[in-house]
Each structure stands twice: as C-alpha cells, then as structure tokens.
Amino acid sequence: MLAAVGAVILAIAYLLNVTSTHTDAAFTPFSLLIAGAFFVALHLAGFGGVRSTSGRRRWRR
C-alpha cells in the first residue's frame, strides 16, 4: 500500500517537473520526490504490508 502511495507522489512530482509548473504552496517537485522516496523506503522496510490472518497460529510455551 505504501508503495502505491509513493508511486503516486513520485508521478505528481514528475509531472510538476516536466511541465515546469511553479507552485506557491509548500510542496515542490523536490519535496514530493523526497516524500515519495520515503513511502517507497517504508514499503521496502516492511511497513504497511498486508498481514495474513488465514494461516494457523503457532503457540509457544
């Protein structure tokens, strides 16, 4: 899920950069690039993944 969020943010940053759109808002193509890379890094680190609940649980004593 976080990889999809990161991909969307990176796509928006790319479009802003390619079209040379200037925004007065707090986000720039570079800040969106950093945010997108952050979400992709979280995904690669294992956060935001889908947890399986259908498997058997092993109980330790």
PDB file of N, CA and C in Angstrom:
ATOM      1  N   MET A   1       0.816  -1.189   0.000  1.00  0.00           N
ATOM      2  CA  MET A   1       0.000   0.000   0.000  1.00  0.00           C
ATOM      3  C   MET A   1       0.865   1.259   0.000  1.00  0.00           C
ATOM      4  N   LEU A   2       1.924   1.233   0.797  1.00  0.00           N
ATOM      5  CA  LEU A   2       2.793   2.404   0.848  1.00  0.00           C
ATOM      6  C   LEU A   2       3.546   2.608  -0.461  1.00  0.00           C
ATOM      7  N   ALA A   3       3.823   1.516  -1.167  1.00  0.00           N
ATOM      8  CA  ALA A   3       4.490   1.650  -2.461  1.00  0.00           C
ATOM      9  C   ALA A   3       3.582   2.349  -3.465  1.00  0.00           C
ATOM     10  N   ALA A   4       2.286   2.080  -3.408  1.00  0.00           N
ATOM     11  CA  ALA A   4       1.337   2.746  -4.309  1.00  0.00           C
ATOM     12  C   ALA A   4       1.250   4.231  -3.988  1.00  0.00           C
ATOM     13  N   VAL A   5       1.243   4.571  -2.706  1.00  0.00           N
ATOM     14  CA  VAL A   5       1.221   5.987  -2.309  1.00  0.00           C
ATOM     15  C   VAL A   5       2.494   6.682  -2.789  1.00  0.00           C
ATOM     16  N   GLY A   6       3.622   6.016  -2.598  1.00  0.00           N
ATOM     17  CA  GLY A   6       4.889   6.578  -3.060  1.00  0.00           C
ATOM     18  C   GLY A   6       4.930   6.752  -4.567  1.00  0.00           C
ATOM     19  N   ALA A   7       4.373   5.784  -5.297  1.00  0.00           N
ATOM     20  CA  ALA A   7       4.359   5.880  -6.767  1.00  0.00           C
ATOM     21  C   ALA A   7       3.494   7.048  -7.240  1.00  0.00           C
ATOM     22  N   VAL A   8       2.370   7.267  -6.592  1.00  0.00           N
ATOM     23  CA  VAL A   8       1.501   8.383  -6.969  1.00  0.00           C
ATOM     24  C   VAL A   8       2.191   9.713  -6.687  1.00  0.00           C
ATOM     25  N   ILE A   9       2.826   9.820  -5.525  1.00  0.00           N
ATOM     26  CA  ILE A   9       3.527  11.065  -5.186  1.00  0.00           C
ATOM     27  C   ILE A   9       4.679  11.309  -6.150  1.00  0.00           C
ATOM     28  N   LEU A  10       5.413  10.248  -6.499  1.00  0.00           N
ATOM     29  CA  LEU A  10       6.513  10.406  -7.455  1.00  0.00           C
ATOM     30  C   LEU A  10       5.999  10.805  -8.838  1.00  0.00           C
ATOM     31  N   ALA A  11       4.838  10.281  -9.239  1.00  0.00           N
ATOM     32  CA  ALA A  11       4.259  10.644 -10.527  1.00  0.00           C
ATOM     33  C   ALA A  11       3.847  12.119 -10.537  1.00  0.00           C
ATOM     34  N   ILE A  12       3.273  12.589  -9.447  1.00  0.00           N
ATOM     35  CA  ILE A  12       2.897  14.005  -9.368  1.00  0.00           C
ATOM     36  C   ILE A  12       4.138  14.884  -9.420  1.00  0.00           C
ATOM     37  N   ALA A  13       5.203  14.481  -8.707  1.00  0.00           N
ATOM     38  CA  ALA A  13       6.448  15.248  -8.738  1.00  0.00           C
ATOM     39  C   ALA A  13       7.032  15.283 -10.141  1.00  0.00           C
ATOM     40  N   TYR A  14       6.975  14.161 -10.837  1.00  0.00           N
ATOM     41  CA  TYR A  14       7.488  14.101 -12.208  1.00  0.00           C
ATOM     42  C   TYR A  14       6.690  15.016 -13.132  1.00  0.00           C
ATOM     43  N   LEU A  15       5.370  14.982 -13.016  1.00  0.00           N
ATOM     44  CA  LEU A  15       4.537  15.842 -13.865  1.00  0.00           C
ATOM     45  C   LEU A  15       4.775  17.317 -13.584  1.00  0.00           C
ATOM     46  N   LEU A  16       4.933  17.675 -12.320  1.00  0.00           N
ATOM     47  CA  LEU A  16       5.231  19.073 -11.988  1.00  0.00           C
ATOM     48  C   LEU A  16       6.586  19.494 -12.538  1.00  0.00           C
ATOM     49  N   ASN A  17       7.540  18.590 -12.508  1.00  0.00           N
ATOM     50  CA  ASN A  17       8.872  18.907 -13.007  1.00  0.00           C
ATOM     51  C   ASN A  17       8.891  19.008 -14.528  1.00  0.00           C
ATOM     52  N   VAL A  18       8.223  18.095 -15.210  1.00  0.00           N
ATOM     53  CA  VAL A  18       8.230  18.079 -16.677  1.00  0.00           C
ATOM     54  C   VAL A  18       7.500  19.295 -17.247  1.00  0.00           C
ATOM     55  N   THR A  19       6.388  19.659 -16.634  1.00  0.00           N
ATOM     56  CA  THR A  19       5.609  20.777 -17.145  1.00  0.00           C
ATOM     57  C   THR A  19       6.116  22.122 -16.636  1.00  0.00           C
ATOM     58  N   SER A  20       7.151  22.102 -15.809  1.00  0.00           N
ATOM     59  CA  SER A  20       7.737  23.327 -15.229  1.00  0.00           C
ATOM     60  C   SER A  20       6.686  24.176 -14.528  1.00  0.00           C
ATOM     61  N   THR A  21       5.791  23.507 -13.840  1.00  0.00           N
ATOM     62  CA  THR A  21       4.750  24.192 -13.097  1.00  0.00           C
ATOM     63  C   THR A  21       5.339  24.768 -11.817  1.00  0.00           C
ATOM     64  N   HIS A  22       5.086  26.040 -11.586  1.00  0.00           N
ATOM     65  CA  HIS A  22       5.549  26.700 -10.373  1.00  0.00           C
ATOM     66  C   HIS A  22       4.383  26.827  -9.416  1.00  0.00           C
ATOM     67  N   THR A  23       4.594  26.359  -8.213  1.00  0.00           N
ATOM     68  CA  THR A  23       3.544  26.440  -7.200  1.00  0.00           C
ATOM     69  C   THR A  23       4.026  27.303  -6.050  1.00  0.00           C
ATOM     70  N   ASP A  24       3.116  28.042  -5.467  1.00  0.00           N
ATOM     71  CA  ASP A  24       3.445  28.841  -4.299  1.00  0.00           C
ATOM     72  C   ASP A  24       3.184  28.077  -3.011  1.00  0.00           C
ATOM     73  N   ALA A  25       2.718  26.873  -3.161  1.00  0.00           N
ATOM     74  CA  ALA A  25       2.415  26.055  -1.986  1.00  0.00           C
ATOM     75  C   ALA A  25       3.705  25.512  -1.376  1.00  0.00           C
ATOM     76  N   ALA A  26       3.573  24.811  -0.298  1.00  0.00           N
ATOM     77  CA  ALA A  26       4.740  24.288   0.420  1.00  0.00           C
ATOM     78  C   ALA A  26       5.400  23.133  -0.322  1.00  0.00           C
ATOM     79  N   PHE A  27       4.703  22.526  -1.277  1.00  0.00           N
ATOM     80  CA  PHE A  27       5.304  21.389  -1.969  1.00  0.00           C
ATOM     81  C   PHE A  27       5.937  21.832  -3.283  1.00  0.00           C
ATOM     82  N   THR A  28       7.100  21.290  -3.535  1.00  0.00           N
ATOM     83  CA  THR A  28       7.831  21.493  -4.779  1.00  0.00           C
ATOM     84  C   THR A  28       8.094  20.112  -5.355  1.00  0.00           C
ATOM     85  N   PRO A  29       8.522  20.020  -6.597  1.00  0.00           N
ATOM     86  CA  PRO A  29       8.845  18.695  -7.131  1.00  0.00           C
ATOM     87  C   PRO A  29       9.904  17.957  -6.301  1.00  0.00           C
ATOM     88  N   PHE A  30      10.864  18.698  -5.762  1.00  0.00           N
ATOM     89  CA  PHE A  30      11.902  18.045  -4.958  1.00  0.00           C
ATOM     90  C   PHE A  30      11.336  17.525  -3.639  1.00  0.00           C
ATOM     91  N   SER A  31      10.487  18.301  -2.965  1.00  0.00           N
ATOM     92  CA  SER A  31       9.915  17.829  -1.702  1.00  0.00           C
ATOM     93  C   SER A  31       8.981  16.641  -1.942  1.00  0.00           C
ATOM     94  N   LEU A  32       8.270  16.631  -3.059  1.00  0.00           N
ATOM     95  CA  LEU A  32       7.432  15.478  -3.392  1.00  0.00           C
ATOM     96  C   LEU A  32       8.287  14.256  -3.719  1.00  0.00           C
ATOM     97  N   LEU A  33       9.432  14.488  -4.344  1.00  0.00           N
ATOM     98  CA  LEU A  33      10.357  13.396  -4.625  1.00  0.00           C
ATOM     99  C   LEU A  33      10.849  12.760  -3.333  1.00  0.00           C
ATOM    100  N   ILE A  34      11.188  13.584  -2.362  1.00  0.00           N
ATOM    101  CA  ILE A  34      11.641  13.068  -1.073  1.00  0.00           C
ATOM    102  C   ILE A  34      10.510  12.316  -0.369  1.00  0.00           C
ATOM    103  N   ALA A  35       9.298  12.864  -0.408  1.00  0.00           N
ATOM    104  CA  ALA A  35       8.158  12.197   0.234  1.00  0.00           C
ATOM    105  C   ALA A  35       7.852  10.863  -0.435  1.00  0.00           C
ATOM    106  N   GLY A  36       7.888  10.818  -1.762  1.00  0.00           N
ATOM    107  CA  GLY A  36       7.648   9.571  -2.484  1.00  0.00           C
ATOM    108  C   GLY A  36       8.700   8.526  -2.179  1.00  0.00           C
ATOM    109  N   ALA A  37       9.955   8.955  -2.137  1.00  0.00           N
ATOM    110  CA  ALA A  37      11.036   8.027  -1.809  1.00  0.00           C
ATOM    111  C   ALA A  37      10.895   7.515  -0.376  1.00  0.00           C
ATOM    112  N   PHE A  38      10.405   8.367   0.521  1.00  0.00           N
ATOM    113  CA  PHE A  38      10.176   7.965   1.911  1.00  0.00           C
ATOM    114  C   PHE A  38       9.133   6.858   1.995  1.00  0.00           C
ATOM    115  N   PHE A  39       8.022   7.001   1.257  1.00  0.00           N
ATOM    116  CA  PHE A  39       6.979   5.980   1.291  1.00  0.00           C
ATOM    117  C   PHE A  39       7.452   4.674   0.649  1.00  0.00           C
ATOM    118  N   VAL A  40       8.219   4.766  -0.412  1.00  0.00           N
ATOM    119  CA  VAL A  40       8.756   3.549  -1.033  1.00  0.00           C
ATOM    120  C   VAL A  40       9.747   2.870  -0.090  1.00  0.00           C
ATOM    121  N   ALA A  41      10.560   3.657   0.614  1.00  0.00           N
ATOM    122  CA  ALA A  41      11.503   3.089   1.573  1.00  0.00           C
ATOM    123  C   ALA A  41      10.767   2.406   2.725  1.00  0.00           C
ATOM    124  N   LEU A  42       9.676   3.002   3.192  1.00  0.00           N
ATOM    125  CA  LEU A  42       8.877   2.351   4.234  1.00  0.00           C
ATOM    126  C   LEU A  42       8.318   1.022   3.740  1.00  0.00           C
ATOM    127  N   HIS A  43       7.875   1.001   2.496  1.00  0.00           N
ATOM    128  CA  HIS A  43       7.350  -0.244   1.929  1.00  0.00           C
ATOM    129  C   HIS A  43       8.440  -1.310   1.860  1.00  0.00           C
ATOM    130  N   LEU A  44       9.626  -0.917   1.401  1.00  0.00           N
ATOM    131  CA  LEU A  44      10.723  -1.876   1.277  1.00  0.00           C
ATOM    132  C   LEU A  44      11.220  -2.342   2.644  1.00  0.00           C
ATOM    133  N   ALA A  45      11.031  -1.523   3.660  1.00  0.00           N
ATOM    134  CA  ALA A  45      11.440  -1.899   5.012  1.00  0.00           C
ATOM    135  C   ALA A  45      10.433  -2.832   5.672  1.00  0.00           C
ATOM    136  N   GLY A  46       9.274  -3.008   5.060  1.00  0.00           N
ATOM    137  CA  GLY A  46       8.308  -3.956   5.598  1.00  0.00           C
ATOM    138  C   GLY A  46       7.120  -3.330   6.305  1.00  0.00           C
ATOM    139  N   PHE A  47       7.030  -2.025   6.332  1.00  0.00           N
ATOM    140  CA  PHE A  47       5.889  -1.363   6.959  1.00  0.00           C
ATOM    141  C   PHE A  47       4.740  -1.257   5.974  1.00  0.00           C
ATOM    142  N   GLY A  48       3.536  -1.323   6.470  1.00  0.00           N
ATOM    143  CA  GLY A  48       2.369  -1.131   5.620  1.00  0.00           C
ATOM    144  C   GLY A  48       2.013  -2.310   4.751  1.00  0.00           C
ATOM    145  N   GLY A  49       2.538  -3.455   5.054  1.00  0.00           N
ATOM    146  CA  GLY A  49       2.249  -4.645   4.265  1.00  0.00           C
ATOM    147  C   GLY A  49       0.926  -5.270   4.667  1.00  0.00           C
ATOM    148  N   VAL A  50       0.472  -6.190   3.855  1.00  0.00           N
ATOM    149  CA  VAL A  50      -0.763  -6.907   4.140  1.00  0.00           C
ATOM    150  C   VAL A  50      -0.435  -8.064   5.062  1.00  0.00           C
ATOM    151  N   ARG A  51      -1.193  -8.185   6.124  1.00  0.00           N
ATOM    152  CA  ARG A  51      -0.976  -9.271   7.072  1.00  0.00           C
ATOM    153  C   ARG A  51      -1.952 -10.391   6.788  1.00  0.00           C
ATOM    154  N   SER A  52      -1.453 -11.600   6.762  1.00  0.00           N
ATOM    155  CA  SER A  52      -2.341 -12.732   6.512  1.00  0.00           C
ATOM    156  C   SER A  52      -2.936 -13.198   7.836  1.00  0.00           C
ATOM    157  N   THR A  53      -4.223 -13.388   7.830  1.00  0.00           N
ATOM    158  CA  THR A  53      -4.901 -13.870   9.034  1.00  0.00           C
ATOM    159  C   THR A  53      -5.487 -15.255   8.820  1.00  0.00           C
ATOM    160  N   SER A  54      -5.283 -15.823   7.632  1.00  0.00           N
ATOM    161  CA  SER A  54      -5.888 -17.116   7.341  1.00  0.00           C
ATOM    162  C   SER A  54      -5.030 -18.292   7.778  1.00  0.00           C
ATOM    163  N   GLY A  55      -3.774 -18.070   8.114  1.00  0.00           N
ATOM    164  CA  GLY A  55      -2.892 -19.165   8.491  1.00  0.00           C
ATOM    165  C   GLY A  55      -3.105 -19.620   9.917  1.00  0.00           C
ATOM    166  N   ARG A  56      -2.507 -20.781  10.207  1.00  0.00           N
ATOM    167  CA  ARG A  56      -2.591 -21.291  11.570  1.00  0.00           C
ATOM    168  C   ARG A  56      -1.586 -20.554  12.447  1.00  0.00           C
ATOM    169  N   ARG A  57      -1.956 -20.370  13.678  1.00  0.00           N
ATOM    170  CA  ARG A  57      -1.044 -19.727  14.621  1.00  0.00           C
ATOM    171  C   ARG A  57      -0.317 -20.804  15.425  1.00  0.00           C
ATOM    172  N   ARG A  58       0.945 -20.565  15.653  1.00  0.00           N
ATOM    173  CA  ARG A  58       1.745 -21.474  16.483  1.00  0.00           C
ATOM    174  C   ARG A  58       1.896 -20.836  17.855  1.00  0.00           C
ATOM    175  N   TRP A  59       1.563 -21.615  18.826  1.00  0.00           N
ATOM    176  CA  TRP A  59       1.655 -21.118  20.196  1.00  0.00           C
ATOM    177  C   TRP A  59       2.930 -21.653  20.831  1.00  0.00           C
ATOM    178  N   ARG A  60       3.672 -20.782  21.464  1.00  0.00           N
ATOM    179  CA  ARG A  60       4.881 -21.187  22.189  1.00  0.00           C
ATOM    180  C   ARG A  60       4.570 -21.238  23.676  1.00  0.00           C
ATOM    181  N   ARG A  61       5.198 -22.169  24.312  1.00  0.00           N
ATOM    182  CA  ARG A  61       5.021 -22.281  25.759  1.00  0.00           C
ATOM    183  C   ARG A  61       6.245 -21.824  26.472  1.00  0.00           C
TER     184      ARG A  61
END
